[in-house]
PDB file of N, CA and C in Angstrom:
ATOM      1  N   MET A   1       0.849  -1.167   0.000  1.00  0.00           N
ATOM      2  CA  MET A   1       0.000   0.000   0.000  1.00  0.00           C
ATOM      3  C   MET A   1       0.899   1.236   0.000  1.00  0.00           C
ATOM      4  N   ILE A   2       0.617   2.136  -0.922  1.00  0.00           N
ATOM      5  CA  ILE A   2       1.415   3.350  -1.067  1.00  0.00           C
ATOM      6  C   ILE A   2       0.523   4.559  -0.782  1.00  0.00           C
ATOM      7  N   PHE A   3       0.991   5.458   0.085  1.00  0.00           N
ATOM      8  CA  PHE A   3       0.286   6.699   0.392  1.00  0.00           C
ATOM      9  C   PHE A   3       0.993   7.850  -0.307  1.00  0.00           C
ATOM     10  N   ASP A   4       0.255   8.613  -1.116  1.00  0.00           N
ATOM     11  CA  ASP A   4       0.760   9.850  -1.712  1.00  0.00           C
ATOM     12  C   ASP A   4      -0.160  10.971  -1.279  1.00  0.00           C
ATOM     13  N   LYS A   5       0.426  12.097  -0.891  1.00  0.00           N
ATOM     14  CA  LYS A   5      -0.381  13.227  -0.449  1.00  0.00           C
ATOM     15  C   LYS A   5      -0.183  14.395  -1.399  1.00  0.00           C
ATOM     16  N   GLU A   6      -1.299  14.940  -1.885  1.00  0.00           N
ATOM     17  CA  GLU A   6      -1.303  16.113  -2.747  1.00  0.00           C
ATOM     18  C   GLU A   6      -2.286  17.114  -2.143  1.00  0.00           C
ATOM     19  N   GLU A   7      -1.783  18.158  -1.527  1.00  0.00           N
ATOM     20  CA  GLU A   7      -2.611  19.162  -0.857  1.00  0.00           C
ATOM     21  C   GLU A   7      -3.570  18.481   0.113  1.00  0.00           C
ATOM     22  N   ASN A   8      -4.882  18.530  -0.155  1.00  0.00           N
ATOM     23  CA  ASN A   8      -5.865  17.941   0.760  1.00  0.00           C
ATOM     24  C   ASN A   8      -6.390  16.593   0.254  1.00  0.00           C
ATOM     25  N   ILE A   9      -5.598  15.927  -0.589  1.00  0.00           N
ATOM     26  CA  ILE A   9      -5.995  14.636  -1.151  1.00  0.00           C
ATOM     27  C   ILE A   9      -4.935  13.588  -0.810  1.00  0.00           C
ATOM     28  N   THR A  10      -5.370  12.456  -0.285  1.00  0.00           N
ATOM     29  CA  THR A  10      -4.487  11.317  -0.068  1.00  0.00           C
ATOM     30  C   THR A  10      -4.841  10.263  -1.101  1.00  0.00           C
ATOM     31  N   ILE A  11      -3.842   9.838  -1.871  1.00  0.00           N
ATOM     32  CA  ILE A  11      -4.037   8.787  -2.857  1.00  0.00           C
ATOM     33  C   ILE A  11      -3.425   7.511  -2.289  1.00  0.00           C
ATOM     34  N   ILE A  12      -4.260   6.495  -2.153  1.00  0.00           N
ATOM     35  CA  ILE A  12      -3.815   5.211  -1.619  1.00  0.00           C
ATOM     36  C   ILE A  12      -3.820   4.215  -2.774  1.00  0.00           C
ATOM     37  N   THR A  13      -2.633   3.710  -3.096  1.00  0.00           N
ATOM     38  CA  THR A  13      -2.494   2.783  -4.211  1.00  0.00           C
ATOM     39  C   THR A  13      -2.230   1.387  -3.670  1.00  0.00           C
ATOM     40  N   GLN A  14      -3.020   0.449  -4.130  1.00  0.00           N
ATOM     41  CA  GLN A  14      -2.848  -0.942  -3.742  1.00  0.00           C
ATOM     42  C   GLN A  14      -2.246  -1.692  -4.916  1.00  0.00           C
ATOM     43  N   GLU A  15      -1.111  -2.336  -4.688  1.00  0.00           N
ATOM     44  CA  GLU A  15      -0.437  -3.005  -5.786  1.00  0.00           C
ATOM     45  C   GLU A  15      -0.535  -4.522  -5.743  1.00  0.00           C
ATOM     46  N   LYS A  16      -0.475  -5.125  -4.557  1.00  0.00           N
ATOM     47  CA  LYS A  16      -0.387  -6.581  -4.505  1.00  0.00           C
ATOM     48  C   LYS A  16      -1.439  -7.254  -3.645  1.00  0.00           C
ATOM     49  N   ALA A  17      -1.659  -6.796  -2.457  1.00  0.00           N
ATOM     50  CA  ALA A  17      -2.549  -7.491  -1.512  1.00  0.00           C
ATOM     51  C   ALA A  17      -3.998  -7.449  -1.997  1.00  0.00           C
ATOM     52  N   SER A  18      -4.819  -8.237  -1.357  1.00  0.00           N
ATOM     53  CA  SER A  18      -6.226  -8.291  -1.736  1.00  0.00           C
ATOM     54  C   SER A  18      -6.969  -7.042  -1.265  1.00  0.00           C
ATOM     55  N   VAL A  19      -8.139  -6.858  -1.847  1.00  0.00           N
ATOM     56  CA  VAL A  19      -8.982  -5.726  -1.464  1.00  0.00           C
ATOM     57  C   VAL A  19      -9.396  -5.843  -0.003  1.00  0.00           C
ATOM     58  N   ILE A  20      -9.690  -7.055   0.445  1.00  0.00           N
ATOM     59  CA  ILE A  20     -10.103  -7.251   1.841  1.00  0.00           C
ATOM     60  C   ILE A  20      -8.980  -6.828   2.789  1.00  0.00           C
ATOM     61  N   GLU A  21      -7.746  -7.184   2.471  1.00  0.00           N
ATOM     62  CA  GLU A  21      -6.606  -6.747   3.286  1.00  0.00           C
ATOM     63  C   GLU A  21      -6.478  -5.231   3.284  1.00  0.00           C
ATOM     64  N   LEU A  22      -6.694  -4.622   2.123  1.00  0.00           N
ATOM     65  CA  LEU A  22      -6.614  -3.160   2.021  1.00  0.00           C
ATOM     66  C   LEU A  22      -7.667  -2.491   2.900  1.00  0.00           C
ATOM     67  N   VAL A  23      -8.892  -2.979   2.855  1.00  0.00           N
ATOM     68  CA  VAL A  23      -9.966  -2.393   3.670  1.00  0.00           C
ATOM     69  C   VAL A  23      -9.635  -2.515   5.150  1.00  0.00           C
ATOM     70  N   LYS A  24      -9.090  -3.652   5.571  1.00  0.00           N
ATOM     71  CA  LYS A  24      -8.696  -3.817   6.974  1.00  0.00           C
ATOM     72  C   LYS A  24      -7.612  -2.813   7.356  1.00  0.00           C
ATOM     73  N   LYS A  25      -6.644  -2.613   6.480  1.00  0.00           N
ATOM     74  CA  LYS A  25      -5.573  -1.644   6.748  1.00  0.00           C
ATOM     75  C   LYS A  25      -6.115  -0.224   6.797  1.00  0.00           C
ATOM     76  N   LEU A  26      -7.084   0.085   5.942  1.00  0.00           N
ATOM     77  CA  LEU A  26      -7.683   1.421   5.957  1.00  0.00           C
ATOM     78  C   LEU A  26      -8.355   1.698   7.294  1.00  0.00           C
ATOM     79  N   ASP A  27      -9.046   0.690   7.836  1.00  0.00           N
ATOM     80  CA  ASP A  27      -9.685   0.853   9.150  1.00  0.00           C
ATOM     81  C   ASP A  27      -8.643   1.150  10.227  1.00  0.00           C
ATOM     82  N   VAL A  28      -7.523   0.430  10.190  1.00  0.00           N
ATOM     83  CA  VAL A  28      -6.474   0.599  11.193  1.00  0.00           C
ATOM     84  C   VAL A  28      -5.778   1.959  11.037  1.00  0.00           C
ATOM     85  N   LEU A  29      -5.564   2.379   9.804  1.00  0.00           N
ATOM     86  CA  LEU A  29      -4.805   3.611   9.532  1.00  0.00           C
ATOM     87  C   LEU A  29      -5.699   4.828   9.281  1.00  0.00           C
ATOM     88  N   TYR A  30      -6.980   4.733   9.607  1.00  0.00           N
ATOM     89  CA  TYR A  30      -7.931   5.797   9.275  1.00  0.00           C
ATOM     90  C   TYR A  30      -7.505   7.177   9.787  1.00  0.00           C
ATOM     91  N   GLU A  31      -6.958   7.232  10.970  1.00  0.00           N
ATOM     92  CA  GLU A  31      -6.539   8.524  11.546  1.00  0.00           C
ATOM     93  C   GLU A  31      -5.532   9.240  10.647  1.00  0.00           C
ATOM     94  N   ARG A  32      -4.765   8.483   9.893  1.00  0.00           N
ATOM     95  CA  ARG A  32      -3.716   9.043   9.038  1.00  0.00           C
ATOM     96  C   ARG A  32      -4.284   9.901   7.895  1.00  0.00           C
ATOM     97  N   PHE A  33      -5.484   9.577   7.416  1.00  0.00           N
ATOM     98  CA  PHE A  33      -6.041  10.295   6.269  1.00  0.00           C
ATOM     99  C   PHE A  33      -7.458  10.822   6.497  1.00  0.00           C
ATOM    100  N   LYS A  34      -7.940  10.789   7.730  1.00  0.00           N
ATOM    101  CA  LYS A  34      -9.333  11.152   7.999  1.00  0.00           C
ATOM    102  C   LYS A  34      -9.683  12.593   7.643  1.00  0.00           C
ATOM    103  N   ASN A  35      -8.700  13.490   7.614  1.00  0.00           N
ATOM    104  CA  ASN A  35      -8.981  14.889   7.304  1.00  0.00           C
ATOM    105  C   ASN A  35      -8.762  15.246   5.838  1.00  0.00           C
ATOM    106  N   ASP A  36      -8.464  14.259   5.018  1.00  0.00           N
ATOM    107  CA  ASP A  36      -8.206  14.479   3.596  1.00  0.00           C
ATOM    108  C   ASP A  36      -9.304  13.839   2.755  1.00  0.00           C
ATOM    109  N   ASN A  37      -9.424  14.327   1.529  1.00  0.00           N
ATOM    110  CA  ASN A  37     -10.203  13.611   0.535  1.00  0.00           C
ATOM    111  C   ASN A  37      -9.360  12.402   0.138  1.00  0.00           C
ATOM    112  N   VAL A  38     -10.004  11.288  -0.202  1.00  0.00           N
ATOM    113  CA  VAL A  38      -9.271  10.046  -0.448  1.00  0.00           C
ATOM    114  C   VAL A  38      -9.576   9.497  -1.837  1.00  0.00           C
ATOM    115  N   ILE A  39      -8.501   9.094  -2.503  1.00  0.00           N
ATOM    116  CA  ILE A  39      -8.617   8.350  -3.757  1.00  0.00           C
ATOM    117  C   ILE A  39      -7.984   6.985  -3.513  1.00  0.00           C
ATOM    118  N   ILE A  40      -8.747   5.930  -3.764  1.00  0.00           N
ATOM    119  CA  ILE A  40      -8.237   4.565  -3.669  1.00  0.00           C
ATOM    120  C   ILE A  40      -7.939   4.111  -5.097  1.00  0.00           C
ATOM    121  N   ASN A  41      -6.673   3.917  -5.399  1.00  0.00           N
ATOM    122  CA  ASN A  41      -6.255   3.545  -6.746  1.00  0.00           C
ATOM    123  C   ASN A  41      -6.089   2.026  -6.831  1.00  0.00           C
ATOM    124  N   LEU A  42      -6.999   1.380  -7.559  1.00  0.00           N
ATOM    125  CA  LEU A  42      -6.964  -0.073  -7.725  1.00  0.00           C
ATOM    126  C   LEU A  42      -6.590  -0.472  -9.154  1.00  0.00           C
ATOM    127  N   THR A  43      -6.035   0.444  -9.916  1.00  0.00           N
ATOM    128  CA  THR A  43      -5.770   0.170 -11.331  1.00  0.00           C
ATOM    129  C   THR A  43      -4.751  -0.940 -11.558  1.00  0.00           C
ATOM    130  N   SER A  44      -3.890  -1.219 -10.597  1.00  0.00           N
ATOM    131  CA  SER A  44      -2.897  -2.274 -10.801  1.00  0.00           C
ATOM    132  C   SER A  44      -3.382  -3.646 -10.336  1.00  0.00           C
ATOM    133  N   LEU A  45      -4.571  -3.704  -9.723  1.00  0.00           N
ATOM    134  CA  LEU A  45      -5.120  -4.993  -9.291  1.00  0.00           C
ATOM    135  C   LEU A  45      -5.918  -5.635 -10.420  1.00  0.00           C
ATOM    136  N   LYS A  46      -5.775  -6.948 -10.543  1.00  0.00           N
ATOM    137  CA  LYS A  46      -6.553  -7.694 -11.532  1.00  0.00           C
ATOM    138  C   LYS A  46      -7.038  -8.955 -10.865  1.00  0.00           C
ATOM    139  N   PRO A  47      -8.226  -9.353 -11.026  1.00  0.00           N
ATOM    140  CA  PRO A  47      -9.370  -8.547 -11.454  1.00  0.00           C
ATOM    141  C   PRO A  47      -9.954  -7.790 -10.267  1.00  0.00           C
ATOM    142  N   VAL A  48     -10.855  -6.875 -10.542  1.00  0.00           N
ATOM    143  CA  VAL A  48     -11.599  -6.165  -9.502  1.00  0.00           C
ATOM    144  C   VAL A  48     -13.073  -6.442  -9.773  1.00  0.00           C
ATOM    145  N   THR A  49     -13.773  -6.892  -8.750  1.00  0.00           N
ATOM    146  CA  THR A  49     -15.186  -7.247  -8.904  1.00  0.00           C
ATOM    147  C   THR A  49     -16.072  -6.256  -8.153  1.00  0.00           C
ATOM    148  N   VAL A  50     -17.348  -6.314  -8.431  1.00  0.00           N
ATOM    149  CA  VAL A  50     -18.311  -5.481  -7.703  1.00  0.00           C
ATOM    150  C   VAL A  50     -18.251  -5.821  -6.219  1.00  0.00           C
ATOM    151  N   GLU A  51     -18.062  -7.095  -5.897  1.00  0.00           N
ATOM    152  CA  GLU A  51     -17.955  -7.509  -4.494  1.00  0.00           C
ATOM    153  C   GLU A  51     -16.750  -6.849  -3.830  1.00  0.00           C
ATOM    154  N   ASN A  52     -15.642  -6.703  -4.577  1.00  0.00           N
ATOM    155  CA  ASN A  52     -14.474  -6.000  -4.037  1.00  0.00           C
ATOM    156  C   ASN A  52     -14.815  -4.553  -3.721  1.00  0.00           C
ATOM    157  N   ILE A  53     -15.525  -3.905  -4.624  1.00  0.00           N
ATOM    158  CA  ILE A  53     -15.888  -2.496  -4.430  1.00  0.00           C
ATOM    159  C   ILE A  53     -16.808  -2.346  -3.217  1.00  0.00           C
ATOM    160  N   VAL A  54     -17.733  -3.271  -3.048  1.00  0.00           N
ATOM    161  CA  VAL A  54     -18.674  -3.211  -1.915  1.00  0.00           C
ATOM    162  C   VAL A  54     -17.935  -3.301  -0.576  1.00  0.00           C
ATOM    163  N   GLU A  55     -16.771  -3.932  -0.550  1.00  0.00           N
ATOM    164  CA  GLU A  55     -15.968  -4.012   0.678  1.00  0.00           C
ATOM    165  C   GLU A  55     -15.649  -2.616   1.229  1.00  0.00           C
ATOM    166  N   PHE A  56     -15.595  -1.611   0.370  1.00  0.00           N
ATOM    167  CA  PHE A  56     -15.267  -0.247   0.775  1.00  0.00           C
ATOM    168  C   PHE A  56     -16.471   0.544   1.284  1.00  0.00           C
ATOM    169  N   LEU A  57     -17.650  -0.048   1.236  1.00  0.00           N
ATOM    170  CA  LEU A  57     -18.883   0.684   1.560  1.00  0.00           C
ATOM    171  C   LEU A  57     -18.848   1.329   2.939  1.00  0.00           C
ATOM    172  N   GLN A  58     -18.441   0.598   3.951  1.00  0.00           N
ATOM    173  CA  GLN A  58     -18.453   1.137   5.317  1.00  0.00           C
ATOM    174  C   GLN A  58     -17.489   2.305   5.480  1.00  0.00           C
ATOM    175  N   VAL A  59     -16.254   2.138   5.014  1.00  0.00           N
ATOM    176  CA  VAL A  59     -15.278   3.227   5.157  1.00  0.00           C
ATOM    177  C   VAL A  59     -15.669   4.422   4.281  1.00  0.00           C
ATOM    178  N   SER A  60     -16.280   4.163   3.133  1.00  0.00           N
ATOM    179  CA  SER A  60     -16.737   5.247   2.262  1.00  0.00           C
ATOM    180  C   SER A  60     -17.825   6.067   2.954  1.00  0.00           C
ATOM    181  N   LYS A  61     -18.818   5.381   3.536  1.00  0.00           N
ATOM    182  CA  LYS A  61     -19.901   6.079   4.238  1.00  0.00           C
ATOM    183  C   LYS A  61     -19.353   6.899   5.412  1.00  0.00           C
ATOM    184  N   LYS A  62     -18.430   6.308   6.162  1.00  0.00           N
ATOM    185  CA  LYS A  62     -17.823   6.997   7.300  1.00  0.00           C
ATOM    186  C   LYS A  62     -17.113   8.265   6.835  1.00  0.00           C
ATOM    187  N   HIS A  63     -16.342   8.148   5.770  1.00  0.00           N
ATOM    188  CA  HIS A  63     -15.559   9.279   5.275  1.00  0.00           C
ATOM    189  C   HIS A  63     -16.460  10.360   4.680  1.00  0.00           C
ATOM    190  N   ARG A  64     -17.425   9.956   3.891  1.00  0.00           N
ATOM    191  CA  ARG A  64     -18.341  10.920   3.275  1.00  0.00           C
ATOM    192  C   ARG A  64     -19.216  11.584   4.344  1.00  0.00           C
ATOM    193  N   GLY A  65     -19.522  10.855   5.408  1.00  0.00           N
ATOM    194  CA  GLY A  65     -20.277  11.431   6.516  1.00  0.00           C
ATOM    195  C   GLY A  65     -19.510  12.531   7.220  1.00  0.00           C
ATOM    196  N   ALA A  66     -18.178  12.473   7.122  1.00  0.00           N
ATOM    197  CA  ALA A  66     -17.315  13.510   7.709  1.00  0.00           C
ATOM    198  C   ALA A  66     -17.067  14.655   6.713  1.00  0.00           C
ATOM    199  N   LYS A  67     -17.862  14.697   5.650  1.00  0.00           N
ATOM    200  CA  LYS A  67     -17.781  15.759   4.633  1.00  0.00           C
ATOM    201  C   LYS A  67     -16.459  15.748   3.878  1.00  0.00           C
ATOM    202  N   LYS A  68     -15.974  14.567   3.572  1.00  0.00           N
ATOM    203  CA  LYS A  68     -14.769  14.382   2.760  1.00  0.00           C
ATOM    204  C   LYS A  68     -15.100  13.440   1.609  1.00  0.00           C
ATOM    205  N   SER A  69     -14.419  13.618   0.496  1.00  0.00           N
ATOM    206  CA  SER A  69     -14.655  12.773  -0.676  1.00  0.00           C
ATOM    207  C   SER A  69     -13.911  11.442  -0.542  1.00  0.00           C
ATOM    208  N   PHE A  70     -14.516  10.404  -1.113  1.00  0.00           N
ATOM    209  CA  PHE A  70     -13.930   9.069  -1.137  1.00  0.00           C
ATOM    210  C   PHE A  70     -14.223   8.494  -2.515  1.00  0.00           C
ATOM    211  N   VAL A  71     -13.171   8.345  -3.331  1.00  0.00           N
ATOM    212  CA  VAL A  71     -13.340   7.924  -4.719  1.00  0.00           C
ATOM    213  C   VAL A  71     -12.437   6.726  -4.995  1.00  0.00           C
ATOM    214  N   ILE A  72     -12.984   5.717  -5.665  1.00  0.00           N
ATOM    215  CA  ILE A  72     -12.220   4.530  -6.045  1.00  0.00           C
ATOM    216  C   ILE A  72     -11.931   4.603  -7.537  1.00  0.00           C
ATOM    217  N   VAL A  73     -10.680   4.309  -7.911  1.00  0.00           N
ATOM    218  CA  VAL A  73     -10.289   4.308  -9.318  1.00  0.00           C
ATOM    219  C   VAL A  73     -10.036   2.870  -9.752  1.00  0.00           C
ATOM    220  N   SER A  74     -10.808   2.430 -10.751  1.00  0.00           N
ATOM    221  CA  SER A  74     -10.602   1.111 -11.339  1.00  0.00           C
ATOM    222  C   SER A  74     -11.173   1.121 -12.746  1.00  0.00           C
ATOM    223  N   ASP A  75     -10.362   0.695 -13.690  1.00  0.00           N
ATOM    224  CA  ASP A  75     -10.827   0.610 -15.071  1.00  0.00           C
ATOM    225  C   ASP A  75     -11.201  -0.825 -15.451  1.00  0.00           C
ATOM    226  N   LYS A  76     -11.287  -1.687 -14.453  1.00  0.00           N
ATOM    227  CA  LYS A  76     -11.554  -3.103 -14.708  1.00  0.00           C
ATOM    228  C   LYS A  76     -12.940  -3.542 -14.248  1.00  0.00           C
ATOM    229  N   ILE A  77     -13.832  -2.602 -14.053  1.00  0.00           N
ATOM    230  CA  ILE A  77     -15.158  -2.942 -13.543  1.00  0.00           C
ATOM    231  C   ILE A  77     -16.211  -2.140 -14.294  1.00  0.00           C
ATOM    232  N   ASN A  78     -17.380  -2.725 -14.435  1.00  0.00           N
ATOM    233  CA  ASN A  78     -18.498  -2.025 -15.049  1.00  0.00           C
ATOM    234  C   ASN A  78     -19.081  -1.094 -13.983  1.00  0.00           C
ATOM    235  N   ILE A  79     -18.866   0.178 -14.151  1.00  0.00           N
ATOM    236  CA  ILE A  79     -19.272   1.171 -13.142  1.00  0.00           C
ATOM    237  C   ILE A  79     -20.786   1.172 -12.935  1.00  0.00           C
ATOM    238  N   ALA A  80     -21.538   0.833 -13.961  1.00  0.00           N
ATOM    239  CA  ALA A  80     -23.000   0.794 -13.846  1.00  0.00           C
ATOM    240  C   ALA A  80     -23.469  -0.268 -12.854  1.00  0.00           C
ATOM    241  N   GLU A  81     -22.627  -1.263 -12.565  1.00  0.00           N
ATOM    242  CA  GLU A  81     -22.991  -2.332 -11.639  1.00  0.00           C
ATOM    243  C   GLU A  81     -22.643  -2.014 -10.187  1.00  0.00           C
ATOM    244  N   THR A  82     -21.924  -0.928  -9.944  1.00  0.00           N
ATOM    245  CA  THR A  82     -21.505  -0.607  -8.579  1.00  0.00           C
ATOM    246  C   THR A  82     -22.625   0.115  -7.833  1.00  0.00           C
ATOM    247  N   PRO A  83     -22.668  -0.017  -6.506  1.00  0.00           N
ATOM    248  CA  PRO A  83     -23.702   0.669  -5.709  1.00  0.00           C
ATOM    249  C   PRO A  83     -23.571   2.193  -5.839  1.00  0.00           C
ATOM    250  N   ASP A  84     -24.705   2.866  -5.784  1.00  0.00           N
ATOM    251  CA  ASP A  84     -24.712   4.332  -5.901  1.00  0.00           C
ATOM    252  C   ASP A  84     -23.980   5.015  -4.750  1.00  0.00           C
ATOM    253  N   GLU A  85     -23.867   4.335  -3.604  1.00  0.00           N
ATOM    254  CA  GLU A  85     -23.233   4.943  -2.435  1.00  0.00           C
ATOM    255  C   GLU A  85     -21.719   5.047  -2.562  1.00  0.00           C
ATOM    256  N   ILE A  86     -21.151   4.392  -3.559  1.00  0.00           N
ATOM    257  CA  ILE A  86     -19.700   4.402  -3.743  1.00  0.00           C
ATOM    258  C   ILE A  86     -19.380   5.017  -5.098  1.00  0.00           C
ATOM    259  N   ILE A  87     -18.457   5.957  -5.110  1.00  0.00           N
ATOM    260  CA  ILE A  87     -18.061   6.584  -6.374  1.00  0.00           C
ATOM    261  C   ILE A  87     -16.871   5.825  -6.946  1.00  0.00           C
ATOM    262  N   VAL A  88     -17.046   5.307  -8.160  1.00  0.00           N
ATOM    263  CA  VAL A  88     -15.986   4.590  -8.864  1.00  0.00           C
ATOM    264  C   VAL A  88     -15.812   5.254 -10.227  1.00  0.00           C
ATOM    265  N   VAL A  89     -14.573   5.572 -10.561  1.00  0.00           N
ATOM    266  CA  VAL A  89     -14.250   6.179 -11.851  1.00  0.00           C
ATOM    267  C   VAL A  89     -13.088   5.410 -12.480  1.00  0.00           C
ATOM    268  N   PRO A  90     -12.933   5.506 -13.811  1.00  0.00           N
ATOM    269  CA  PRO A  90     -11.883   4.724 -14.472  1.00  0.00           C
ATOM    270  C   PRO A  90     -10.479   5.333 -14.458  1.00  0.00           C
ATOM    271  N   THR A  91     -10.348   6.637 -14.162  1.00  0.00           N
ATOM    272  CA  THR A  91      -9.018   7.254 -14.203  1.00  0.00           C
ATOM    273  C   THR A  91      -8.772   8.153 -12.988  1.00  0.00           C
ATOM    274  N   LEU A  92      -7.495   8.370 -12.699  1.00  0.00           N
ATOM    275  CA  LEU A  92      -7.125   9.288 -11.607  1.00  0.00           C
ATOM    276  C   LEU A  92      -7.586  10.709 -11.898  1.00  0.00           C
ATOM    277  N   GLN A  93      -7.522  11.131 -13.149  1.00  0.00           N
ATOM    278  CA  GLN A  93      -7.966  12.489 -13.496  1.00  0.00           C
ATOM    279  C   GLN A  93      -9.444  12.677 -13.164  1.00  0.00           C
ATOM    280  N   GLU A  94     -10.253  11.669 -13.479  1.00  0.00           N
ATOM    281  CA  GLU A  94     -11.674  11.762 -13.154  1.00  0.00           C
ATOM    282  C   GLU A  94     -11.890  11.790 -11.640  1.00  0.00           C
ATOM    283  N   ALA A  95     -11.088  11.079 -10.891  1.00  0.00           N
ATOM    284  CA  ALA A  95     -11.185  11.108  -9.432  1.00  0.00           C
ATOM    285  C   ALA A  95     -10.902  12.514  -8.911  1.00  0.00           C
ATOM    286  N   HIS A  96      -9.855  13.144  -9.450  1.00  0.00           N
ATOM    287  CA  HIS A  96      -9.542  14.525  -9.052  1.00  0.00           C
ATOM    288  C   HIS A  96     -10.690  15.471  -9.423  1.00  0.00           C
ATOM    289  N   ASP A  97     -11.284  15.268 -10.595  1.00  0.00           N
ATOM    290  CA  ASP A  97     -12.409  16.107 -11.024  1.00  0.00           C
ATOM    291  C   ASP A  97     -13.607  15.952 -10.088  1.00  0.00           C
ATOM    292  N   ILE A  98     -13.906  14.713  -9.689  1.00  0.00           N
ATOM    293  CA  ILE A  98     -15.020  14.462  -8.758  1.00  0.00           C
ATOM    294  C   ILE A  98     -14.772  15.188  -7.441  1.00  0.00           C
ATOM    295  N   ILE A  99     -13.560  15.071  -6.927  1.00  0.00           N
ATOM    296  CA  ILE A  99     -13.229  15.723  -5.653  1.00  0.00           C
ATOM    297  C   ILE A  99     -13.372  17.234  -5.781  1.00  0.00           C
ATOM    298  N   GLU A 100     -12.906  17.789  -6.880  1.00  0.00           N
ATOM    299  CA  GLU A 100     -13.020  19.232  -7.096  1.00  0.00           C
ATOM    300  C   GLU A 100     -14.487  19.663  -7.128  1.00  0.00           C
ATOM    301  N   MET A 101     -15.330  18.888  -7.805  1.00  0.00           N
ATOM    302  CA  MET A 101     -16.765  19.212  -7.858  1.00  0.00           C
ATOM    303  C   MET A 101     -17.406  19.096  -6.480  1.00  0.00           C
ATOM    304  N   GLU A 102     -17.066  18.050  -5.742  1.00  0.00           N
ATOM    305  CA  GLU A 102     -17.649  17.879  -4.411  1.00  0.00           C
ATOM    306  C   GLU A 102     -17.180  18.975  -3.454  1.00  0.00           C
ATOM    307  N   GLU A 103     -15.943  19.400  -3.580  1.00  0.00           N
ATOM    308  CA  GLU A 103     -15.442  20.507  -2.756  1.00  0.00           C
ATOM    309  C   GLU A 103     -16.257  21.780  -3.034  1.00  0.00           C
ATOM    310  N   MET A 104     -16.518  22.052  -4.303  1.00  0.00           N
ATOM    311  CA  MET A 104     -17.322  23.232  -4.662  1.00  0.00           C
ATOM    312  C   MET A 104     -18.724  23.117  -4.091  1.00  0.00           C
ATOM    313  N   GLU A 105     -19.335  21.918  -4.195  1.00  0.00           N
ATOM    314  CA  GLU A 105     -20.668  21.713  -3.635  1.00  0.00           C
ATOM    315  C   GLU A 105     -20.677  21.947  -2.123  1.00  0.00           C
ATOM    316  N   ARG A 106     -19.667  21.455  -1.425  1.00  0.00           N
ATOM    317  CA  ARG A 106     -19.598  21.658   0.024  1.00  0.00           C
ATOM    318  C   ARG A 106     -19.408  23.141   0.351  1.00  0.00           C
ATOM    319  N   ASP A 107     -18.578  23.834  -0.426  1.00  0.00           N
ATOM    320  CA  ASP A 107     -18.371  25.259  -0.203  1.00  0.00           C
ATOM    321  C   ASP A 107     -19.661  26.058  -0.404  1.00  0.00           C
ATOM    322  N   LEU A 108     -20.492  25.586  -1.335  1.00  0.00           N
ATOM    323  CA  LEU A 108     -21.768  26.265  -1.617  1.00  0.00           C
ATOM    324  C   LEU A 108     -22.889  25.808  -0.690  1.00  0.00           C
ATOM    325  N   GLY A 109     -22.616  24.814   0.160  1.00  0.00           N
ATOM    326  CA  GLY A 109     -23.606  24.362   1.125  1.00  0.00           C
ATOM    327  C   GLY A 109     -24.542  23.289   0.621  1.00  0.00           C
ATOM    328  N   PHE A 110     -24.219  22.623  -0.438  1.00  0.00           N
ATOM    329  CA  PHE A 110     -25.064  21.542  -0.963  1.00  0.00           C
ATOM    330  C   PHE A 110     -24.806  20.260  -0.226  1.00  0.00           C
TER     331      PHE A 110
END
């Protein structure tokens, strides 16, 4: 697991371990990134299933409840099949765009 920090965004890249292991580590290390918007980069994992994405549901809800963005990046999944409560995009650029839009919405009080 690799942590990269860019201003108020933490990008967490998972390269080898399973999604379940990653979710467990996120729970343990939550204090480390709780005040940042989060991008989970799963582009190097093969395959990624809808069930893998659902594993992030609890941490996503917790983070979004704290008024922070939580976006998963994976180009190996049909985004239409993912739950509406989790934001999944195919590229890092789109993840940054989502965070920028959500920041504007929060600033405007939406």
